[in-house]
Protein backbone atom coordinates (compact mmCIF):
# COMPACT_ATOMS: atom_id res chain seq x y z
CA UNK A 1 -79.55 132.79 33.65
CA UNK A 2 -82.60 130.54 33.37
CA UNK A 3 -82.23 127.04 31.92
CA UNK A 4 -84.94 124.60 30.84
CA UNK A 5 -83.90 120.96 30.45
CA UNK A 6 -86.30 118.83 28.41
CA UNK A 7 -85.94 115.06 28.70
CA UNK A 8 -88.08 112.25 27.36
CA UNK A 9 -88.04 110.41 30.70
CA UNK A 10 -86.26 110.49 34.04
CA UNK A 11 -87.22 107.08 35.42
CA UNK A 12 -84.42 105.08 37.04
CA UNK A 13 -85.09 102.18 34.69
CA UNK A 14 -83.39 104.23 31.95
CA UNK A 15 -80.11 104.40 33.86
CA UNK A 16 -77.34 106.85 33.04
CA UNK A 17 -79.11 109.30 30.72
CA UNK A 18 -81.76 110.03 33.35
CA UNK A 19 -79.16 110.39 36.08
CA UNK A 20 -77.12 112.87 34.05
CA UNK A 21 -80.10 115.23 33.73
CA UNK A 22 -80.16 115.69 37.51
CA UNK A 23 -76.37 116.02 37.66
CA UNK A 24 -76.45 118.66 34.92
CA UNK A 25 -79.16 120.58 36.79
CA UNK A 26 -77.13 120.57 40.01
CA UNK A 27 -73.98 121.73 38.19
CA UNK A 28 -75.85 124.57 36.47
CA UNK A 29 -77.38 125.71 39.77
CA UNK A 30 -73.90 125.69 41.31
CA UNK A 31 -72.84 128.13 38.57
CA UNK A 32 -75.75 130.44 39.40
CA UNK A 33 -78.43 129.32 36.94
CA UNK A 34 -82.10 128.86 37.76
CA UNK A 35 -83.02 125.41 36.41
CA UNK A 36 -86.32 123.78 35.49
CA UNK A 37 -86.68 120.23 34.15
CA UNK A 38 -89.65 118.84 32.21
CA UNK A 39 -90.12 115.18 31.30
CA UNK A 40 -92.71 112.43 31.07
CA UNK A 41 -93.48 110.11 33.95
CA UNK A 42 -92.39 107.07 31.92
CA UNK A 43 -90.37 104.40 33.71
CA UNK A 44 -90.33 101.32 31.51
CA UNK A 45 -93.34 99.05 32.02
CA UNK A 46 -94.52 101.13 34.99
CA UNK A 47 -94.98 104.86 35.42
CA UNK A 48 -93.32 107.02 38.04
CA UNK A 49 -95.59 107.77 40.97
CA UNK A 50 -95.25 111.55 40.79
CA UNK A 51 -97.68 114.46 40.55
CA UNK A 52 -98.37 115.37 36.93
CA UNK A 53 -98.37 118.84 35.37
CA UNK A 54 -97.34 120.70 38.50
CA UNK A 55 -93.94 121.92 39.62
CA UNK A 56 -92.08 119.83 42.17
CA UNK A 57 -89.37 121.76 44.00
CA UNK A 58 -86.22 119.78 44.61
CA UNK A 59 -83.30 121.16 46.61
CA UNK A 60 -81.94 123.45 43.89
CA UNK A 61 -84.23 123.08 40.87
CA UNK A 62 -87.82 122.31 39.84
CA UNK A 63 -89.22 119.33 37.91
CA UNK A 64 -92.54 118.98 36.10
CA UNK A 65 -93.76 115.62 34.80
CA UNK A 66 -96.25 115.15 31.99
CA UNK A 67 -98.30 112.06 31.14
CA UNK A 68 -96.61 109.45 28.99
CA UNK A 69 -99.03 107.97 26.48
CA UNK A 70 -98.05 104.42 25.61
CA UNK A 71 -98.50 103.47 21.98
CA UNK A 72 -99.66 99.90 21.54
């Protein structure tokens, strides 16, 4: 089974909700799923220092970050 998790942001500044995305991905992989995560690079007042719009392979899953456009 393939699973795509879509989250608004994964920055540590957002606390628990961001952390649970990674925990969910690990649990799904443990059950045999292939997991991809997509999110913005938002992290409060600063942005995450990550490559944008390319897959980053973690231990068991992949993550792709997209630009976060701040509305002012």
